[in-house]
Amino acid sequence: MQAGEETLDKLVSEATVEIKNADGLHMRPAMQFVDMASQFECDVTVSKDKTHADGKSIMQMSMLAATCGTRLKIMAEGSDADKAIAALRELVEDRMFDEPAAEGDQ
């Protein structure tokens, strides 16, 4: 194998999620996301349109400016990618960062 080639044990998982909490991805939920993503070994990337952010960086996550209704693509790459995606999807869509839902989403 040459330098730079990926090994077959590098797993990739992705999901598209919708921000449902009324105040969107402000600093507190962004920090919750970063804290959750940081619990996993895999790399986590979050995309909104053409903007990409490191899911383990509070500064980059806050730059996404994701309001209620925004759809984000989460991609994880590494041995625990599936577990990371499942946990982050639950945080965003099911738990809604432990914040109130937007009107009509309750």
N, C-alpha and C. Protein backbone atom coordinates (compact mmCIF):
# COMPACT_ATOMS: atom_id res chain seq x y z
N MET A 1 0.85 -1.18 0.00
CA MET A 1 0.00 0.00 0.00
C MET A 1 0.89 1.24 0.00
N GLN A 2 0.55 2.21 -0.80
CA GLN A 2 1.31 3.44 -0.88
C GLN A 2 0.84 4.43 0.18
N ALA A 3 1.69 5.37 0.51
CA ALA A 3 1.33 6.40 1.48
C ALA A 3 0.12 7.18 0.97
N GLY A 4 -0.81 7.46 1.86
CA GLY A 4 -1.99 8.24 1.50
C GLY A 4 -3.19 7.38 1.14
N GLU A 5 -2.99 6.08 0.92
CA GLU A 5 -4.13 5.21 0.62
C GLU A 5 -4.89 4.89 1.90
N GLU A 6 -6.19 4.82 1.78
CA GLU A 6 -7.04 4.51 2.93
C GLU A 6 -7.14 2.99 3.10
N THR A 7 -7.17 2.53 4.32
CA THR A 7 -7.37 1.12 4.57
C THR A 7 -8.86 0.81 4.57
N LEU A 8 -9.20 -0.46 4.42
CA LEU A 8 -10.60 -0.86 4.33
C LEU A 8 -11.34 -0.73 5.65
N ASP A 9 -10.63 -0.61 6.78
CA ASP A 9 -11.31 -0.50 8.07
C ASP A 9 -11.77 0.93 8.38
N LYS A 10 -11.60 1.84 7.44
CA LYS A 10 -12.03 3.23 7.61
C LYS A 10 -13.49 3.32 7.22
N LEU A 11 -14.39 3.30 8.19
CA LEU A 11 -15.82 3.30 7.93
C LEU A 11 -16.35 4.72 7.80
N VAL A 12 -17.29 4.90 6.88
CA VAL A 12 -17.92 6.20 6.67
C VAL A 12 -19.42 6.03 6.86
N SER A 13 -20.01 6.95 7.60
CA SER A 13 -21.45 6.94 7.83
C SER A 13 -21.92 8.39 7.73
N GLU A 14 -23.15 8.58 7.24
CA GLU A 14 -23.66 9.94 7.14
C GLU A 14 -25.16 9.97 7.35
N ALA A 15 -25.65 11.14 7.69
CA ALA A 15 -27.09 11.36 7.90
C ALA A 15 -27.39 12.83 7.64
N THR A 16 -28.61 13.07 7.22
CA THR A 16 -29.11 14.44 7.10
C THR A 16 -30.11 14.65 8.22
N VAL A 17 -29.92 15.72 8.98
CA VAL A 17 -30.79 16.02 10.11
C VAL A 17 -31.38 17.41 9.93
N GLU A 18 -32.50 17.65 10.61
CA GLU A 18 -33.13 18.96 10.58
C GLU A 18 -33.13 19.56 11.97
N ILE A 19 -32.71 20.80 12.07
CA ILE A 19 -32.74 21.52 13.34
C ILE A 19 -34.20 21.82 13.66
N LYS A 20 -34.70 21.29 14.79
CA LYS A 20 -36.12 21.44 15.15
C LYS A 20 -36.35 22.32 16.37
N ASN A 21 -35.29 22.58 17.16
CA ASN A 21 -35.51 23.43 18.33
C ASN A 21 -35.68 24.89 17.89
N ALA A 22 -36.50 25.61 18.60
CA ALA A 22 -36.95 26.95 18.20
C ALA A 22 -35.81 27.93 17.96
N ASP A 23 -34.76 27.88 18.77
CA ASP A 23 -33.68 28.87 18.67
C ASP A 23 -32.54 28.44 17.76
N GLY A 24 -32.65 27.27 17.15
CA GLY A 24 -31.62 26.83 16.22
C GLY A 24 -30.33 26.42 16.90
N LEU A 25 -29.26 26.42 16.12
CA LEU A 25 -27.96 25.96 16.61
C LEU A 25 -27.16 27.14 17.16
N HIS A 26 -27.65 27.70 18.28
CA HIS A 26 -26.90 28.78 18.93
C HIS A 26 -25.77 28.15 19.75
N MET A 27 -25.05 28.93 20.54
CA MET A 27 -23.83 28.44 21.19
C MET A 27 -24.04 27.25 22.12
N ARG A 28 -25.10 27.24 22.92
CA ARG A 28 -25.27 26.12 23.85
C ARG A 28 -25.49 24.80 23.12
N PRO A 29 -26.43 24.71 22.17
CA PRO A 29 -26.58 23.44 21.46
C PRO A 29 -25.36 23.11 20.59
N ALA A 30 -24.69 24.12 20.06
CA ALA A 30 -23.47 23.84 19.29
C ALA A 30 -22.42 23.19 20.18
N MET A 31 -22.33 23.66 21.43
CA MET A 31 -21.38 23.07 22.37
C MET A 31 -21.78 21.64 22.73
N GLN A 32 -23.09 21.41 22.87
CA GLN A 32 -23.56 20.04 23.13
C GLN A 32 -23.17 19.12 21.98
N PHE A 33 -23.33 19.61 20.76
CA PHE A 33 -22.97 18.82 19.58
C PHE A 33 -21.47 18.50 19.60
N VAL A 34 -20.64 19.52 19.83
CA VAL A 34 -19.19 19.34 19.87
C VAL A 34 -18.80 18.36 20.97
N ASP A 35 -19.40 18.51 22.15
CA ASP A 35 -19.10 17.60 23.26
C ASP A 35 -19.45 16.16 22.90
N MET A 36 -20.61 15.96 22.27
CA MET A 36 -21.03 14.62 21.87
C MET A 36 -20.08 14.07 20.80
N ALA A 37 -19.80 14.86 19.77
CA ALA A 37 -18.93 14.41 18.69
C ALA A 37 -17.53 14.06 19.21
N SER A 38 -17.06 14.79 20.20
CA SER A 38 -15.72 14.59 20.75
C SER A 38 -15.60 13.30 21.55
N GLN A 39 -16.71 12.68 21.88
CA GLN A 39 -16.68 11.41 22.61
C GLN A 39 -16.29 10.24 21.70
N PHE A 40 -16.25 10.47 20.41
CA PHE A 40 -15.97 9.42 19.45
C PHE A 40 -14.60 9.63 18.81
N GLU A 41 -13.99 8.53 18.39
CA GLU A 41 -12.67 8.57 17.76
C GLU A 41 -12.74 9.09 16.32
N CYS A 42 -13.86 8.87 15.66
CA CYS A 42 -13.98 9.21 14.24
C CYS A 42 -13.94 10.72 14.01
N ASP A 43 -13.64 11.08 12.77
CA ASP A 43 -13.72 12.48 12.35
C ASP A 43 -15.18 12.78 12.03
N VAL A 44 -15.66 13.97 12.42
CA VAL A 44 -17.05 14.36 12.18
C VAL A 44 -17.04 15.68 11.42
N THR A 45 -17.73 15.68 10.27
CA THR A 45 -17.86 16.88 9.45
C THR A 45 -19.34 17.21 9.30
N VAL A 46 -19.69 18.48 9.46
CA VAL A 46 -21.08 18.91 9.32
C VAL A 46 -21.13 19.91 8.17
N SER A 47 -22.11 19.72 7.27
CA SER A 47 -22.23 20.59 6.10
C SER A 47 -23.60 21.24 6.03
N LYS A 48 -23.59 22.51 5.65
CA LYS A 48 -24.81 23.26 5.35
C LYS A 48 -24.55 23.92 4.01
N ASP A 49 -25.29 23.49 3.01
CA ASP A 49 -25.05 23.96 1.65
C ASP A 49 -23.59 23.69 1.29
N LYS A 50 -22.83 24.73 0.99
CA LYS A 50 -21.42 24.55 0.61
C LYS A 50 -20.46 24.83 1.76
N THR A 51 -20.99 25.08 2.95
CA THR A 51 -20.16 25.35 4.12
C THR A 51 -19.94 24.06 4.89
N HIS A 52 -18.68 23.77 5.20
CA HIS A 52 -18.32 22.57 5.94
C HIS A 52 -17.66 22.96 7.25
N ALA A 53 -17.98 22.21 8.31
CA ALA A 53 -17.42 22.50 9.63
C ALA A 53 -16.94 21.22 10.29
N ASP A 54 -15.88 21.34 11.06
CA ASP A 54 -15.41 20.24 11.90
C ASP A 54 -16.41 20.12 13.05
N GLY A 55 -17.05 18.98 13.17
CA GLY A 55 -18.06 18.77 14.21
C GLY A 55 -17.50 18.76 15.62
N LYS A 56 -16.18 18.82 15.75
CA LYS A 56 -15.54 18.85 17.06
C LYS A 56 -14.97 20.23 17.38
N SER A 57 -15.34 21.23 16.58
CA SER A 57 -14.84 22.60 16.78
C SER A 57 -16.02 23.55 17.02
N ILE A 58 -16.09 24.14 18.19
CA ILE A 58 -17.19 25.05 18.52
C ILE A 58 -17.17 26.27 17.59
N MET A 59 -16.00 26.76 17.25
CA MET A 59 -15.92 27.94 16.38
C MET A 59 -16.47 27.62 14.99
N GLN A 60 -16.10 26.48 14.44
CA GLN A 60 -16.58 26.12 13.11
C GLN A 60 -18.07 25.81 13.12
N MET A 61 -18.55 25.12 14.16
CA MET A 61 -19.97 24.79 14.24
C MET A 61 -20.82 26.05 14.35
N SER A 62 -20.36 27.04 15.09
CA SER A 62 -21.14 28.27 15.25
C SER A 62 -21.22 29.05 13.93
N MET A 63 -20.26 28.85 13.04
CA MET A 63 -20.27 29.55 11.76
C MET A 63 -21.32 29.00 10.80
N LEU A 64 -21.90 27.85 11.10
CA LEU A 64 -22.94 27.29 10.23
C LEU A 64 -24.21 28.12 10.27
N ALA A 65 -24.42 28.86 11.37
CA ALA A 65 -25.62 29.71 11.51
C ALA A 65 -26.89 28.94 11.14
N ALA A 66 -27.06 27.78 11.75
CA ALA A 66 -28.20 26.91 11.44
C ALA A 66 -29.40 27.30 12.30
N THR A 67 -30.42 27.82 11.67
CA THR A 67 -31.65 28.20 12.36
C THR A 67 -32.64 27.04 12.34
N CYS A 68 -33.74 27.20 13.01
CA CYS A 68 -34.78 26.18 13.03
C CYS A 68 -35.21 25.89 11.58
N GLY A 69 -35.28 24.62 11.24
CA GLY A 69 -35.66 24.21 9.90
C GLY A 69 -34.47 23.95 8.98
N THR A 70 -33.27 24.34 9.39
CA THR A 70 -32.08 24.10 8.58
C THR A 70 -31.77 22.61 8.55
N ARG A 71 -31.42 22.13 7.37
CA ARG A 71 -31.00 20.74 7.21
C ARG A 71 -29.48 20.70 7.15
N LEU A 72 -28.90 19.84 7.97
CA LEU A 72 -27.45 19.67 8.02
C LEU A 72 -27.09 18.24 7.64
N LYS A 73 -26.00 18.08 6.93
CA LYS A 73 -25.48 16.76 6.61
C LYS A 73 -24.33 16.48 7.56
N ILE A 74 -24.42 15.37 8.28
CA ILE A 74 -23.36 14.97 9.21
C ILE A 74 -22.66 13.76 8.60
N MET A 75 -21.34 13.83 8.49
CA MET A 75 -20.56 12.71 7.99
C MET A 75 -19.51 12.35 9.03
N ALA A 76 -19.41 11.06 9.32
CA ALA A 76 -18.40 10.58 10.26
C ALA A 76 -17.54 9.55 9.54
N GLU A 77 -16.24 9.60 9.80
CA GLU A 77 -15.31 8.68 9.17
C GLU A 77 -14.38 8.13 10.23
N GLY A 78 -14.45 6.81 10.43
CA GLY A 78 -13.63 6.14 11.43
C GLY A 78 -14.31 4.90 11.94
N SER A 79 -13.65 4.21 12.84
CA SER A 79 -14.14 2.91 13.31
C SER A 79 -15.47 2.98 14.05
N ASP A 80 -15.78 4.11 14.68
CA ASP A 80 -17.04 4.23 15.42
C ASP A 80 -18.00 5.22 14.75
N ALA A 81 -17.90 5.35 13.43
CA ALA A 81 -18.71 6.31 12.68
C ALA A 81 -20.20 6.07 12.84
N ASP A 82 -20.64 4.82 12.76
CA ASP A 82 -22.08 4.53 12.90
C ASP A 82 -22.61 4.96 14.26
N LYS A 83 -21.86 4.68 15.31
CA LYS A 83 -22.29 5.06 16.66
C LYS A 83 -22.35 6.57 16.82
N ALA A 84 -21.38 7.26 16.24
CA ALA A 84 -21.35 8.72 16.32
C ALA A 84 -22.56 9.32 15.61
N ILE A 85 -22.86 8.84 14.41
CA ILE A 85 -24.00 9.35 13.66
C ILE A 85 -25.30 9.10 14.42
N ALA A 86 -25.46 7.92 14.98
CA ALA A 86 -26.69 7.61 15.73
C ALA A 86 -26.84 8.54 16.93
N ALA A 87 -25.78 8.78 17.67
CA ALA A 87 -25.84 9.64 18.85
C ALA A 87 -26.11 11.09 18.47
N LEU A 88 -25.46 11.57 17.42
CA LEU A 88 -25.65 12.96 17.00
C LEU A 88 -27.04 13.18 16.41
N ARG A 89 -27.55 12.21 15.67
CA ARG A 89 -28.91 12.32 15.13
C ARG A 89 -29.92 12.39 16.27
N GLU A 90 -29.74 11.56 17.30
CA GLU A 90 -30.65 11.59 18.45
C GLU A 90 -30.59 12.95 19.15
N LEU A 91 -29.39 13.49 19.34
CA LEU A 91 -29.23 14.78 19.99
C LEU A 91 -29.96 15.89 19.23
N VAL A 92 -29.80 15.91 17.91
CA VAL A 92 -30.36 16.98 17.09
C VAL A 92 -31.86 16.83 16.89
N GLU A 93 -32.31 15.65 16.48
CA GLU A 93 -33.71 15.50 16.07
C GLU A 93 -34.64 14.99 17.17
N ASP A 94 -34.18 14.09 18.00
CA ASP A 94 -35.06 13.53 19.03
C ASP A 94 -35.03 14.36 20.32
N ARG A 95 -33.83 14.64 20.80
CA ARG A 95 -33.71 15.43 22.04
C ARG A 95 -33.80 16.92 21.78
N MET A 96 -33.58 17.35 20.54
CA MET A 96 -33.59 18.77 20.15
C MET A 96 -32.74 19.60 21.10
N PHE A 97 -31.57 19.07 21.46
CA PHE A 97 -30.64 19.76 22.36
C PHE A 97 -31.29 20.08 23.70
N ASP A 98 -32.32 19.31 24.07
CA ASP A 98 -33.05 19.51 25.34
C ASP A 98 -33.67 20.89 25.42
N GLU A 99 -34.08 21.43 24.28
CA GLU A 99 -34.72 22.74 24.20
C GLU A 99 -36.13 22.59 23.62
N PRO A 100 -36.96 23.63 23.78
CA PRO A 100 -38.32 23.56 23.22
C PRO A 100 -38.31 23.50 21.70
N ALA A 101 -39.29 22.78 21.16
CA ALA A 101 -39.46 22.71 19.71
C ALA A 101 -40.05 24.01 19.19
N ALA A 102 -39.89 24.22 17.91
CA ALA A 102 -40.50 25.38 17.27
C ALA A 102 -42.01 25.18 17.25
N GLU A 103 -42.77 26.27 17.15
CA GLU A 103 -44.23 26.20 17.07
C GLU A 103 -44.62 25.26 15.94
N GLY A 104 -45.58 24.39 16.20
CA GLY A 104 -46.06 23.47 15.18
C GLY A 104 -45.28 22.17 15.09
N ASP A 105 -44.10 22.09 15.75
CA ASP A 105 -43.30 20.86 15.74
C ASP A 105 -43.51 20.03 16.99
N GLN A 106 -44.36 20.46 17.88
CA GLN A 106 -44.52 19.77 19.16
C GLN A 106 -45.48 18.63 19.06
